[in-house]
Amino acid sequence: MRVVSIEDCREEVDALPVEGRGDTALEAEQRQQLTRLRDALHELPERQRQAFVLHRVQELTLEQTAQRMGITVRMVSRHLSRALAYCELRVRYADRAQMQAFAAAQEAGADAAEPPR
């Protein structure tokens, strides 16, 4: 079994553009999203990051990823779905604090929508 850390794909992650000059608004927004994605990858739990890197960056199949990680394909799928969900949210919001504020607002809205018992 080979463990993949963020260091194993450091070049790919660090190659993501961070800031540019003379960008159009769309290019600036895309660069900001790439920066947030890079940050999200650094924030993922190790096993989620490992599954993400093996499957999405190194382009291994789910079966190959499972074999490398020493887990089932189902667990790889779980790690990937959690990693992707986190990355999707993280790209939308500037930082964790903004994500937490959104989650709290969603939870408060859900509580208010529940009928009294």
PDB file of N, CA and C in Angstrom:
ATOM      1  N   MET A   1       0.846  -1.178   0.000  1.00  0.00           N
ATOM      2  CA  MET A   1       0.000   0.000   0.000  1.00  0.00           C
ATOM      3  C   MET A   1       0.888   1.236   0.000  1.00  0.00           C
ATOM      4  N   ARG A   2       0.533   2.198  -0.842  1.00  0.00           N
ATOM      5  CA  ARG A   2       1.290   3.445  -0.947  1.00  0.00           C
ATOM      6  C   ARG A   2       0.416   4.582  -0.470  1.00  0.00           C
ATOM      7  N   VAL A   3       0.898   5.324   0.499  1.00  0.00           N
ATOM      8  CA  VAL A   3       0.168   6.476   1.014  1.00  0.00           C
ATOM      9  C   VAL A   3       0.596   7.696   0.212  1.00  0.00           C
ATOM     10  N   VAL A   4      -0.387   8.468  -0.211  1.00  0.00           N
ATOM     11  CA  VAL A   4      -0.112   9.673  -0.981  1.00  0.00           C
ATOM     12  C   VAL A   4      -0.429  10.870  -0.109  1.00  0.00           C
ATOM     13  N   SER A   5       0.526  11.737   0.032  1.00  0.00           N
ATOM     14  CA  SER A   5       0.298  12.948   0.813  1.00  0.00           C
ATOM     15  C   SER A   5       0.195  14.130  -0.134  1.00  0.00           C
ATOM     16  N   ILE A   6      -0.144  15.248   0.421  1.00  0.00           N
ATOM     17  CA  ILE A   6      -0.227  16.463  -0.385  1.00  0.00           C
ATOM     18  C   ILE A   6       1.136  16.788  -0.986  1.00  0.00           C
ATOM     19  N   GLU A   7       2.186  16.370  -0.311  1.00  0.00           N
ATOM     20  CA  GLU A   7       3.540  16.612  -0.811  1.00  0.00           C
ATOM     21  C   GLU A   7       3.794  15.854  -2.114  1.00  0.00           C
ATOM     22  N   ASP A   8       3.138  14.684  -2.274  1.00  0.00           N
ATOM     23  CA  ASP A   8       3.324  13.892  -3.486  1.00  0.00           C
ATOM     24  C   ASP A   8       2.789  14.599  -4.727  1.00  0.00           C
ATOM     25  N   CYS A   9       1.862  15.513  -4.535  1.00  0.00           N
ATOM     26  CA  CYS A   9       1.324  16.236  -5.690  1.00  0.00           C
ATOM     27  C   CYS A   9       1.557  17.729  -5.533  1.00  0.00           C
ATOM     28  N   ARG A  10       2.542  18.101  -4.742  1.00  0.00           N
ATOM     29  CA  ARG A  10       2.855  19.503  -4.468  1.00  0.00           C
ATOM     30  C   ARG A  10       3.038  20.302  -5.756  1.00  0.00           C
ATOM     31  N   GLU A  11       3.764  19.734  -6.736  1.00  0.00           N
ATOM     32  CA  GLU A  11       4.008  20.474  -7.971  1.00  0.00           C
ATOM     33  C   GLU A  11       2.706  20.795  -8.691  1.00  0.00           C
ATOM     34  N   GLU A  12       1.780  19.816  -8.750  1.00  0.00           N
ATOM     35  CA  GLU A  12       0.503  20.044  -9.427  1.00  0.00           C
ATOM     36  C   GLU A  12      -0.311  21.104  -8.689  1.00  0.00           C
ATOM     37  N   VAL A  13      -0.341  21.001  -7.369  1.00  0.00           N
ATOM     38  CA  VAL A  13      -1.122  21.954  -6.573  1.00  0.00           C
ATOM     39  C   VAL A  13      -0.511  23.344  -6.645  1.00  0.00           C
ATOM     40  N   ASP A  14       0.798  23.421  -6.504  1.00  0.00           N
ATOM     41  CA  ASP A  14       1.458  24.727  -6.535  1.00  0.00           C
ATOM     42  C   ASP A  14       1.454  25.344  -7.929  1.00  0.00           C
ATOM     43  N   ALA A  15       1.259  24.532  -8.960  1.00  0.00           N
ATOM     44  CA  ALA A  15       1.220  25.055 -10.323  1.00  0.00           C
ATOM     45  C   ALA A  15      -0.093  25.762 -10.623  1.00  0.00           C
ATOM     46  N   LEU A  16      -1.086  25.568  -9.750  1.00  0.00           N
ATOM     47  CA  LEU A  16      -2.348  26.275  -9.949  1.00  0.00           C
ATOM     48  C   LEU A  16      -2.089  27.765  -9.820  1.00  0.00           C
ATOM     49  N   PRO A  17      -2.537  28.555 -10.791  1.00  0.00           N
ATOM     50  CA  PRO A  17      -2.273  29.995 -10.729  1.00  0.00           C
ATOM     51  C   PRO A  17      -2.957  30.631  -9.530  1.00  0.00           C
ATOM     52  N   VAL A  18      -2.273  31.575  -8.925  1.00  0.00           N
ATOM     53  CA  VAL A  18      -2.804  32.232  -7.744  1.00  0.00           C
ATOM     54  C   VAL A  18      -3.309  33.626  -8.076  1.00  0.00           C
ATOM     55  N   GLU A  19      -2.522  34.427  -8.688  1.00  0.00           N
ATOM     56  CA  GLU A  19      -2.878  35.825  -8.919  1.00  0.00           C
ATOM     57  C   GLU A  19      -2.293  36.250 -10.263  1.00  0.00           C
ATOM     58  N   GLY A  20      -3.014  37.018 -10.985  1.00  0.00           N
ATOM     59  CA  GLY A  20      -2.513  37.509 -12.265  1.00  0.00           C
ATOM     60  C   GLY A  20      -2.781  38.984 -12.416  1.00  0.00           C
ATOM     61  N   ARG A  21      -2.091  39.615 -13.326  1.00  0.00           N
ATOM     62  CA  ARG A  21      -2.294  41.041 -13.567  1.00  0.00           C
ATOM     63  C   ARG A  21      -2.872  41.219 -14.953  1.00  0.00           C
ATOM     64  N   GLY A  22      -3.717  42.212 -15.092  1.00  0.00           N
ATOM     65  CA  GLY A  22      -4.314  42.491 -16.376  1.00  0.00           C
ATOM     66  C   GLY A  22      -5.381  41.476 -16.760  1.00  0.00           C
ATOM     67  N   ASP A  23      -5.877  40.714 -15.788  1.00  0.00           N
ATOM     68  CA  ASP A  23      -6.896  39.713 -16.070  1.00  0.00           C
ATOM     69  C   ASP A  23      -8.236  40.365 -16.296  1.00  0.00           C
ATOM     70  N   THR A  24      -9.024  39.706 -17.094  1.00  0.00           N
ATOM     71  CA  THR A  24     -10.405  40.128 -17.194  1.00  0.00           C
ATOM     72  C   THR A  24     -11.089  39.700 -15.907  1.00  0.00           C
ATOM     73  N   ALA A  25     -12.300  40.170 -15.700  1.00  0.00           N
ATOM     74  CA  ALA A  25     -13.037  39.803 -14.480  1.00  0.00           C
ATOM     75  C   ALA A  25     -13.237  38.296 -14.405  1.00  0.00           C
ATOM     76  N   LEU A  26     -13.521  37.663 -15.535  1.00  0.00           N
ATOM     77  CA  LEU A  26     -13.724  36.209 -15.559  1.00  0.00           C
ATOM     78  C   LEU A  26     -12.450  35.468 -15.199  1.00  0.00           C
ATOM     79  N   GLU A  27     -11.325  35.905 -15.763  1.00  0.00           N
ATOM     80  CA  GLU A  27     -10.047  35.266 -15.451  1.00  0.00           C
ATOM     81  C   GLU A  27      -9.695  35.441 -13.984  1.00  0.00           C
ATOM     82  N   ALA A  28      -9.952  36.605 -13.433  1.00  0.00           N
ATOM     83  CA  ALA A  28      -9.672  36.859 -12.021  1.00  0.00           C
ATOM     84  C   ALA A  28     -10.536  35.949 -11.141  1.00  0.00           C
ATOM     85  N   GLU A  29     -11.794  35.801 -11.515  1.00  0.00           N
ATOM     86  CA  GLU A  29     -12.687  34.923 -10.746  1.00  0.00           C
ATOM     87  C   GLU A  29     -12.217  33.470 -10.829  1.00  0.00           C
ATOM     88  N   GLN A  30     -11.781  33.037 -12.007  1.00  0.00           N
ATOM     89  CA  GLN A  30     -11.292  31.671 -12.168  1.00  0.00           C
ATOM     90  C   GLN A  30     -10.022  31.442 -11.348  1.00  0.00           C
ATOM     91  N   ARG A  31      -9.153  32.426 -11.322  1.00  0.00           N
ATOM     92  CA  ARG A  31      -7.933  32.305 -10.515  1.00  0.00           C
ATOM     93  C   ARG A  31      -8.283  32.219  -9.025  1.00  0.00           C
ATOM     94  N   GLN A  32      -9.262  33.006  -8.618  1.00  0.00           N
ATOM     95  CA  GLN A  32      -9.691  32.972  -7.218  1.00  0.00           C
ATOM     96  C   GLN A  32     -10.271  31.594  -6.875  1.00  0.00           C
ATOM     97  N   GLN A  33     -11.041  31.024  -7.784  1.00  0.00           N
ATOM     98  CA  GLN A  33     -11.612  29.704  -7.551  1.00  0.00           C
ATOM     99  C   GLN A  33     -10.519  28.635  -7.480  1.00  0.00           C
ATOM    100  N   LEU A  34      -9.511  28.753  -8.336  1.00  0.00           N
ATOM    101  CA  LEU A  34      -8.397  27.801  -8.289  1.00  0.00           C
ATOM    102  C   LEU A  34      -7.619  27.918  -6.981  1.00  0.00           C
ATOM    103  N   THR A  35      -7.455  29.139  -6.508  1.00  0.00           N
ATOM    104  CA  THR A  35      -6.781  29.354  -5.228  1.00  0.00           C
ATOM    105  C   THR A  35      -7.575  28.704  -4.103  1.00  0.00           C
ATOM    106  N   ARG A  36      -8.895  28.893  -4.123  1.00  0.00           N
ATOM    107  CA  ARG A  36      -9.746  28.290  -3.100  1.00  0.00           C
ATOM    108  C   ARG A  36      -9.719  26.771  -3.191  1.00  0.00           C
ATOM    109  N   LEU A  37      -9.670  26.231  -4.409  1.00  0.00           N
ATOM    110  CA  LEU A  37      -9.581  24.780  -4.574  1.00  0.00           C
ATOM    111  C   LEU A  37      -8.267  24.258  -3.995  1.00  0.00           C
ATOM    112  N   ARG A  38      -7.192  24.963  -4.271  1.00  0.00           N
ATOM    113  CA  ARG A  38      -5.895  24.575  -3.706  1.00  0.00           C
ATOM    114  C   ARG A  38      -5.953  24.581  -2.184  1.00  0.00           C
ATOM    115  N   ASP A  39      -6.554  25.619  -1.610  1.00  0.00           N
ATOM    116  CA  ASP A  39      -6.694  25.704  -0.163  1.00  0.00           C
ATOM    117  C   ASP A  39      -7.551  24.555   0.365  1.00  0.00           C
ATOM    118  N   ALA A  40      -8.637  24.253  -0.347  1.00  0.00           N
ATOM    119  CA  ALA A  40      -9.527  23.162   0.068  1.00  0.00           C
ATOM    120  C   ALA A  40      -8.781  21.833   0.093  1.00  0.00           C
ATOM    121  N   LEU A  41      -7.938  21.588  -0.896  1.00  0.00           N
ATOM    122  CA  LEU A  41      -7.174  20.340  -0.933  1.00  0.00           C
ATOM    123  C   LEU A  41      -6.249  20.227   0.281  1.00  0.00           C
ATOM    124  N   HIS A  42      -5.681  21.342   0.684  1.00  0.00           N
ATOM    125  CA  HIS A  42      -4.805  21.336   1.863  1.00  0.00           C
ATOM    126  C   HIS A  42      -5.602  21.094   3.147  1.00  0.00           C
ATOM    127  N   GLU A  43      -6.875  21.469   3.156  1.00  0.00           N
ATOM    128  CA  GLU A  43      -7.708  21.366   4.349  1.00  0.00           C
ATOM    129  C   GLU A  43      -8.383  19.999   4.499  1.00  0.00           C
ATOM    130  N   LEU A  44      -8.399  19.199   3.450  1.00  0.00           N
ATOM    131  CA  LEU A  44      -9.078  17.894   3.512  1.00  0.00           C
ATOM    132  C   LEU A  44      -8.394  16.953   4.505  1.00  0.00           C
ATOM    133  N   PRO A  45      -9.169  16.081   5.143  1.00  0.00           N
ATOM    134  CA  PRO A  45      -8.552  15.019   5.944  1.00  0.00           C
ATOM    135  C   PRO A  45      -7.665  14.150   5.038  1.00  0.00           C
ATOM    136  N   GLU A  46      -6.643  13.576   5.603  1.00  0.00           N
ATOM    137  CA  GLU A  46      -5.630  12.845   4.834  1.00  0.00           C
ATOM    138  C   GLU A  46      -6.222  11.788   3.897  1.00  0.00           C
ATOM    139  N   ARG A  47      -7.135  10.951   4.382  1.00  0.00           N
ATOM    140  CA  ARG A  47      -7.682   9.867   3.553  1.00  0.00           C
ATOM    141  C   ARG A  47      -8.522  10.421   2.400  1.00  0.00           C
ATOM    142  N   GLN A  48      -9.256  11.494   2.631  1.00  0.00           N
ATOM    143  CA  GLN A  48     -10.030  12.107   1.556  1.00  0.00           C
ATOM    144  C   GLN A  48      -9.098  12.708   0.510  1.00  0.00           C
ATOM    145  N   ARG A  49      -8.069  13.378   0.976  1.00  0.00           N
ATOM    146  CA  ARG A  49      -7.091  13.978   0.062  1.00  0.00           C
ATOM    147  C   ARG A  49      -6.393  12.886  -0.740  1.00  0.00           C
ATOM    148  N   GLN A  50      -6.041  11.809  -0.072  1.00  0.00           N
ATOM    149  CA  GLN A  50      -5.353  10.704  -0.736  1.00  0.00           C
ATOM    150  C   GLN A  50      -6.235  10.110  -1.842  1.00  0.00           C
ATOM    151  N   ALA A  51      -7.499   9.867  -1.541  1.00  0.00           N
ATOM    152  CA  ALA A  51      -8.418   9.322  -2.542  1.00  0.00           C
ATOM    153  C   ALA A  51      -8.575  10.298  -3.703  1.00  0.00           C
ATOM    154  N   PHE A  52      -8.714  11.570  -3.384  1.00  0.00           N
ATOM    155  CA  PHE A  52      -8.873  12.600  -4.414  1.00  0.00           C
ATOM    156  C   PHE A  52      -7.655  12.640  -5.334  1.00  0.00           C
ATOM    157  N   VAL A  53      -6.473  12.671  -4.741  1.00  0.00           N
ATOM    158  CA  VAL A  53      -5.242  12.771  -5.534  1.00  0.00           C
ATOM    159  C   VAL A  53      -5.067  11.531  -6.413  1.00  0.00           C
ATOM    160  N   LEU A  54      -5.257  10.364  -5.833  1.00  0.00           N
ATOM    161  CA  LEU A  54      -5.077   9.140  -6.619  1.00  0.00           C
ATOM    162  C   LEU A  54      -6.070   9.061  -7.776  1.00  0.00           C
ATOM    163  N   HIS A  55      -7.325   9.377  -7.480  1.00  0.00           N
ATOM    164  CA  HIS A  55      -8.359   9.213  -8.505  1.00  0.00           C
ATOM    165  C   HIS A  55      -8.423  10.380  -9.487  1.00  0.00           C
ATOM    166  N   ARG A  56      -8.408  11.605  -8.984  1.00  0.00           N
ATOM    167  CA  ARG A  56      -8.595  12.771  -9.848  1.00  0.00           C
ATOM    168  C   ARG A  56      -7.295  13.321 -10.432  1.00  0.00           C
ATOM    169  N   VAL A  57      -6.215  13.299  -9.675  1.00  0.00           N
ATOM    170  CA  VAL A  57      -4.954  13.867 -10.163  1.00  0.00           C
ATOM    171  C   VAL A  57      -4.142  12.815 -10.899  1.00  0.00           C
ATOM    172  N   GLN A  58      -3.989  11.631 -10.275  1.00  0.00           N
ATOM    173  CA  GLN A  58      -3.188  10.578 -10.904  1.00  0.00           C
ATOM    174  C   GLN A  58      -4.022   9.705 -11.844  1.00  0.00           C
ATOM    175  N   GLU A  59      -5.332   9.976 -11.895  1.00  0.00           N
ATOM    176  CA  GLU A  59      -6.262   9.331 -12.816  1.00  0.00           C
ATOM    177  C   GLU A  59      -6.321   7.808 -12.687  1.00  0.00           C
ATOM    178  N   LEU A  60      -6.216   7.316 -11.456  1.00  0.00           N
ATOM    179  CA  LEU A  60      -6.407   5.888 -11.222  1.00  0.00           C
ATOM    180  C   LEU A  60      -7.902   5.589 -11.193  1.00  0.00           C
ATOM    181  N   THR A  61      -8.270   4.364 -11.535  1.00  0.00           N
ATOM    182  CA  THR A  61      -9.676   3.968 -11.434  1.00  0.00           C
ATOM    183  C   THR A  61     -10.041   3.847  -9.958  1.00  0.00           C
ATOM    184  N   LEU A  62     -11.335   3.718  -9.680  1.00  0.00           N
ATOM    185  CA  LEU A  62     -11.763   3.512  -8.297  1.00  0.00           C
ATOM    186  C   LEU A  62     -11.143   2.238  -7.734  1.00  0.00           C
ATOM    187  N   GLU A  63     -11.108   1.197  -8.554  1.00  0.00           N
ATOM    188  CA  GLU A  63     -10.538  -0.077  -8.112  1.00  0.00           C
ATOM    189  C   GLU A  63      -9.049   0.051  -7.806  1.00  0.00           C
ATOM    190  N   GLN A  64      -8.313   0.741  -8.673  1.00  0.00           N
ATOM    191  CA  GLN A  64      -6.881   0.941  -8.442  1.00  0.00           C
ATOM    192  C   GLN A  64      -6.646   1.799  -7.201  1.00  0.00           C
ATOM    193  N   THR A  65      -7.471   2.809  -7.027  1.00  0.00           N
ATOM    194  CA  THR A  65      -7.361   3.678  -5.850  1.00  0.00           C
ATOM    195  C   THR A  65      -7.614   2.871  -4.591  1.00  0.00           C
ATOM    196  N   ALA A  66      -8.653   2.051  -4.608  1.00  0.00           N
ATOM    197  CA  ALA A  66      -8.971   1.208  -3.451  1.00  0.00           C
ATOM    198  C   ALA A  66      -7.811   0.270  -3.126  1.00  0.00           C
ATOM    199  N   GLN A  67      -7.248  -0.310  -4.153  1.00  0.00           N
ATOM    200  CA  GLN A  67      -6.119  -1.237  -3.945  1.00  0.00           C
ATOM    201  C   GLN A  67      -4.926  -0.499  -3.341  1.00  0.00           C
ATOM    202  N   ARG A  68      -4.603   0.672  -3.862  1.00  0.00           N
ATOM    203  CA  ARG A  68      -3.473   1.451  -3.331  1.00  0.00           C
ATOM    204  C   ARG A  68      -3.691   1.856  -1.885  1.00  0.00           C
ATOM    205  N   MET A  69      -4.941   2.202  -1.562  1.00  0.00           N
ATOM    206  CA  MET A  69      -5.248   2.667  -0.211  1.00  0.00           C
ATOM    207  C   MET A  69      -5.520   1.514   0.754  1.00  0.00           C
ATOM    208  N   GLY A  70      -5.714   0.320   0.217  1.00  0.00           N
ATOM    209  CA  GLY A  70      -5.988  -0.835   1.069  1.00  0.00           C
ATOM    210  C   GLY A  70      -7.392  -0.810   1.659  1.00  0.00           C
ATOM    211  N   ILE A  71      -8.345  -0.249   0.899  1.00  0.00           N
ATOM    212  CA  ILE A  71      -9.728  -0.154   1.354  1.00  0.00           C
ATOM    213  C   ILE A  71     -10.654  -0.616   0.232  1.00  0.00           C
ATOM    214  N   THR A  72     -11.944  -0.656   0.504  1.00  0.00           N
ATOM    215  CA  THR A  72     -12.909  -1.078  -0.506  1.00  0.00           C
ATOM    216  C   THR A  72     -13.217   0.067  -1.474  1.00  0.00           C
ATOM    217  N   VAL A  73     -13.763  -0.305  -2.622  1.00  0.00           N
ATOM    218  CA  VAL A  73     -14.182   0.691  -3.606  1.00  0.00           C
ATOM    219  C   VAL A  73     -15.267   1.580  -2.995  1.00  0.00           C
ATOM    220  N   ARG A  74     -16.119   0.984  -2.197  1.00  0.00           N
ATOM    221  CA  ARG A  74     -17.184   1.763  -1.544  1.00  0.00           C
ATOM    222  C   ARG A  74     -16.599   2.856  -0.643  1.00  0.00           C
ATOM    223  N   MET A  75     -15.552   2.516   0.109  1.00  0.00           N
ATOM    224  CA  MET A  75     -14.921   3.527   0.975  1.00  0.00           C
ATOM    225  C   MET A  75     -14.240   4.607   0.147  1.00  0.00           C
ATOM    226  N   VAL A  76     -13.633   4.223  -0.976  1.00  0.00           N
ATOM    227  CA  VAL A  76     -13.030   5.218  -1.865  1.00  0.00           C
ATOM    228  C   VAL A  76     -14.115   6.179  -2.344  1.00  0.00           C
ATOM    229  N   SER A  77     -15.260   5.631  -2.738  1.00  0.00           N
ATOM    230  CA  SER A  77     -16.373   6.460  -3.200  1.00  0.00           C
ATOM    231  C   SER A  77     -16.828   7.422  -2.113  1.00  0.00           C
ATOM    232  N   ARG A  78     -16.882   6.945  -0.888  1.00  0.00           N
ATOM    233  CA  ARG A  78     -17.269   7.821   0.231  1.00  0.00           C
ATOM    234  C   ARG A  78     -16.263   8.942   0.428  1.00  0.00           C
ATOM    235  N   HIS A  79     -14.978   8.576   0.431  1.00  0.00           N
ATOM    236  CA  HIS A  79     -13.934   9.597   0.595  1.00  0.00           C
ATOM    237  C   HIS A  79     -14.015  10.625  -0.527  1.00  0.00           C
ATOM    238  N   LEU A  80     -14.206  10.158  -1.755  1.00  0.00           N
ATOM    239  CA  LEU A  80     -14.284  11.070  -2.898  1.00  0.00           C
ATOM    240  C   LEU A  80     -15.498  11.976  -2.818  1.00  0.00           C
ATOM    241  N   SER A  81     -16.647  11.408  -2.469  1.00  0.00           N
ATOM    242  CA  SER A  81     -17.851  12.241  -2.425  1.00  0.00           C
ATOM    243  C   SER A  81     -17.732  13.313  -1.344  1.00  0.00           C
ATOM    244  N   ARG A  82     -17.142  12.953  -0.215  1.00  0.00           N
ATOM    245  CA  ARG A  82     -16.950  13.950   0.846  1.00  0.00           C
ATOM    246  C   ARG A  82     -15.937  15.003   0.428  1.00  0.00           C
ATOM    247  N   ALA A  83     -14.866  14.573  -0.203  1.00  0.00           N
ATOM    248  CA  ALA A  83     -13.842  15.521  -0.657  1.00  0.00           C
ATOM    249  C   ALA A  83     -14.416  16.471  -1.704  1.00  0.00           C
ATOM    250  N   LEU A  84     -15.160  15.929  -2.640  1.00  0.00           N
ATOM    251  CA  LEU A  84     -15.743  16.762  -3.691  1.00  0.00           C
ATOM    252  C   LEU A  84     -16.772  17.731  -3.129  1.00  0.00           C
ATOM    253  N   ALA A  85     -17.587  17.262  -2.201  1.00  0.00           N
ATOM    254  CA  ALA A  85     -18.595  18.143  -1.592  1.00  0.00           C
ATOM    255  C   ALA A  85     -17.912  19.284  -0.843  1.00  0.00           C
ATOM    256  N   TYR A  86     -16.858  18.969  -0.092  1.00  0.00           N
ATOM    257  CA  TYR A  86     -16.144  20.000   0.638  1.00  0.00           C
ATOM    258  C   TYR A  86     -15.498  20.994  -0.336  1.00  0.00           C
ATOM    259  N   CYS A  87     -14.843  20.464  -1.360  1.00  0.00           N
ATOM    260  CA  CYS A  87     -14.175  21.344  -2.324  1.00  0.00           C
ATOM    261  C   CYS A  87     -15.172  22.249  -3.034  1.00  0.00           C
ATOM    262  N   GLU A  88     -16.336  21.702  -3.375  1.00  0.00           N
ATOM    263  CA  GLU A  88     -17.359  22.512  -4.044  1.00  0.00           C
ATOM    264  C   GLU A  88     -17.806  23.668  -3.156  1.00  0.00           C
ATOM    265  N   LEU A  89     -18.073  23.378  -1.891  1.00  0.00           N
ATOM    266  CA  LEU A  89     -18.460  24.446  -0.962  1.00  0.00           C
ATOM    267  C   LEU A  89     -17.326  25.434  -0.747  1.00  0.00           C
ATOM    268  N   ARG A  90     -16.130  24.910  -0.591  1.00  0.00           N
ATOM    269  CA  ARG A  90     -14.973  25.755  -0.292  1.00  0.00           C
ATOM    270  C   ARG A  90     -14.655  26.706  -1.431  1.00  0.00           C
ATOM    271  N   VAL A  91     -14.901  26.261  -2.665  1.00  0.00           N
ATOM    272  CA  VAL A  91     -14.653  27.129  -3.815  1.00  0.00           C
ATOM    273  C   VAL A  91     -15.678  28.259  -3.848  1.00  0.00           C
ATOM    274  N   ARG A  92     -16.887  28.001  -3.372  1.00  0.00           N
ATOM    275  CA  ARG A  92     -17.931  29.030  -3.354  1.00  0.00           C
ATOM    276  C   ARG A  92     -17.688  30.111  -2.317  1.00  0.00           C
ATOM    277  N   TYR A  93     -17.097  29.743  -1.194  1.00  0.00           N
ATOM    278  CA  TYR A  93     -16.951  30.668  -0.076  1.00  0.00           C
ATOM    279  C   TYR A  93     -15.491  31.011   0.157  1.00  0.00           C
ATOM    280  N   ALA A  94     -15.261  32.241   0.583  1.00  0.00           N
ATOM    281  CA  ALA A  94     -13.896  32.760   0.719  1.00  0.00           C
ATOM    282  C   ALA A  94     -13.068  31.976   1.733  1.00  0.00           C
ATOM    283  N   ASP A  95     -13.702  31.537   2.825  1.00  0.00           N
ATOM    284  CA  ASP A  95     -12.949  30.836   3.853  1.00  0.00           C
ATOM    285  C   ASP A  95     -13.881  29.967   4.692  1.00  0.00           C
ATOM    286  N   ARG A  96     -13.292  29.265   5.629  1.00  0.00           N
ATOM    287  CA  ARG A  96     -14.075  28.377   6.495  1.00  0.00           C
ATOM    288  C   ARG A  96     -15.120  29.132   7.306  1.00  0.00           C
ATOM    289  N   ALA A  97     -14.771  30.325   7.772  1.00  0.00           N
ATOM    290  CA  ALA A  97     -15.706  31.111   8.583  1.00  0.00           C
ATOM    291  C   ALA A  97     -16.963  31.430   7.778  1.00  0.00           C
ATOM    292  N   GLN A  98     -16.782  31.789   6.531  1.00  0.00           N
ATOM    293  CA  GLN A  98     -17.926  32.090   5.678  1.00  0.00           C
ATOM    294  C   GLN A  98     -18.760  30.818   5.446  1.00  0.00           C
ATOM    295  N   MET A  99     -18.090  29.679   5.283  1.00  0.00           N
ATOM    296  CA  MET A  99     -18.800  28.403   5.117  1.00  0.00           C
ATOM    297  C   MET A  99     -19.600  28.067   6.377  1.00  0.00           C
ATOM    298  N   GLN A 100     -18.995  28.267   7.532  1.00  0.00           N
ATOM    299  CA  GLN A 100     -19.672  27.957   8.794  1.00  0.00           C
ATOM    300  C   GLN A 100     -20.872  28.870   9.005  1.00  0.00           C
ATOM    301  N   ALA A 101     -20.746  30.136   8.635  1.00  0.00           N
ATOM    302  CA  ALA A 101     -21.870  31.058   8.760  1.00  0.00           C
ATOM    303  C   ALA A 101     -23.016  30.613   7.855  1.00  0.00           C
ATOM    304  N   PHE A 102     -22.689  30.170   6.647  1.00  0.00           N
ATOM    305  CA  PHE A 102     -23.704  29.672   5.735  1.00  0.00           C
ATOM    306  C   PHE A 102     -24.376  28.426   6.308  1.00  0.00           C
ATOM    307  N   ALA A 103     -23.586  27.494   6.834  1.00  0.00           N
ATOM    308  CA  ALA A 103     -24.135  26.262   7.407  1.00  0.00           C
ATOM    309  C   ALA A 103     -25.050  26.574   8.586  1.00  0.00           C
ATOM    310  N   ALA A 104     -24.644  27.526   9.430  1.00  0.00           N
ATOM    311  CA  ALA A 104     -25.464  27.904  10.581  1.00  0.00           C
ATOM    312  C   ALA A 104     -26.783  28.514  10.121  1.00  0.00           C
ATOM    313  N   ALA A 105     -26.725  29.332   9.084  1.00  0.00           N
ATOM    314  CA  ALA A 105     -27.942  29.940   8.551  1.00  0.00           C
ATOM    315  C   ALA A 105     -28.861  28.875   7.963  1.00  0.00           C
ATOM    316  N   GLN A 106     -28.271  27.900   7.278  1.00  0.00           N
ATOM    317  CA  GLN A 106     -29.060  26.798   6.713  1.00  0.00           C
ATOM    318  C   GLN A 106     -29.720  25.987   7.820  1.00  0.00           C
ATOM    319  N   GLU A 107     -28.959  25.705   8.866  1.00  0.00           N
ATOM    320  CA  GLU A 107     -29.483  24.933   9.989  1.00  0.00           C
ATOM    321  C   GLU A 107     -30.607  25.695  10.690  1.00  0.00           C
ATOM    322  N   ALA A 108     -30.431  26.979  10.878  1.00  0.00           N
ATOM    323  CA  ALA A 108     -31.458  27.803  11.513  1.00  0.00           C
ATOM    324  C   ALA A 108     -32.721  27.829  10.653  1.00  0.00           C
ATOM    325  N   GLY A 109     -32.535  27.909   9.354  1.00  0.00           N
ATOM    326  CA  GLY A 109     -33.670  27.891   8.430  1.00  0.00           C
ATOM    327  C   GLY A 109     -34.396  26.567   8.468  1.00  0.00           C
ATOM    328  N   ALA A 110     -33.652  25.475   8.584  1.00  0.00           N
ATOM    329  CA  ALA A 110     -34.250  24.136   8.640  1.00  0.00           C
ATOM    330  C   ALA A 110     -35.024  23.979   9.937  1.00  0.00           C
ATOM    331  N   ASP A 111     -34.482  24.501  11.042  1.00  0.00           N
ATOM    332  CA  ASP A 111     -35.161  24.416  12.330  1.00  0.00           C
ATOM    333  C   ASP A 111     -36.461  25.208  12.297  1.00  0.00           C
ATOM    334  N   ALA A 112     -36.426  26.380  11.649  1.00  0.00           N
ATOM    335  CA  ALA A 112     -37.619  27.216  11.580  1.00  0.00           C
ATOM    336  C   ALA A 112     -38.693  26.586  10.700  1.00  0.00           C
ATOM    337  N   ALA A 113     -38.247  25.791   9.700  1.00  0.00           N
ATOM    338  CA  ALA A 113     -39.190  25.180   8.776  1.00  0.00           C
ATOM    339  C   ALA A 113     -39.836  23.923   9.357  1.00  0.00           C
ATOM    340  N   GLU A 114     -39.231  23.368  10.400  1.00  0.00           N
ATOM    341  CA  GLU A 114     -39.787  22.157  11.002  1.00  0.00           C
ATOM    342  C   GLU A 114     -41.052  22.504  11.789  1.00  0.00           C
ATOM    343  N   PRO A 115     -42.079  21.679  11.637  1.00  0.00           N
ATOM    344  CA  PRO A 115     -43.297  21.951  12.394  1.00  0.00           C
ATOM    345  C   PRO A 115     -43.088  21.689  13.883  1.00  0.00           C
ATOM    346  N   PRO A 116     -43.748  22.435  14.750  1.00  0.00           N
ATOM    347  CA  PRO A 116     -43.602  22.203  16.191  1.00  0.00           C
ATOM    348  C   PRO A 116     -44.157  20.848  16.554  1.00  0.00           C
ATOM    349  N   ARG A 117     -43.598  20.233  17.601  1.00  0.00           N
ATOM    350  CA  ARG A 117     -44.072  18.904  18.049  1.00  0.00           C
ATOM    351  C   ARG A 117     -44.882  19.002  19.279  1.00  0.00           C
TER     352      ARG A 117
END
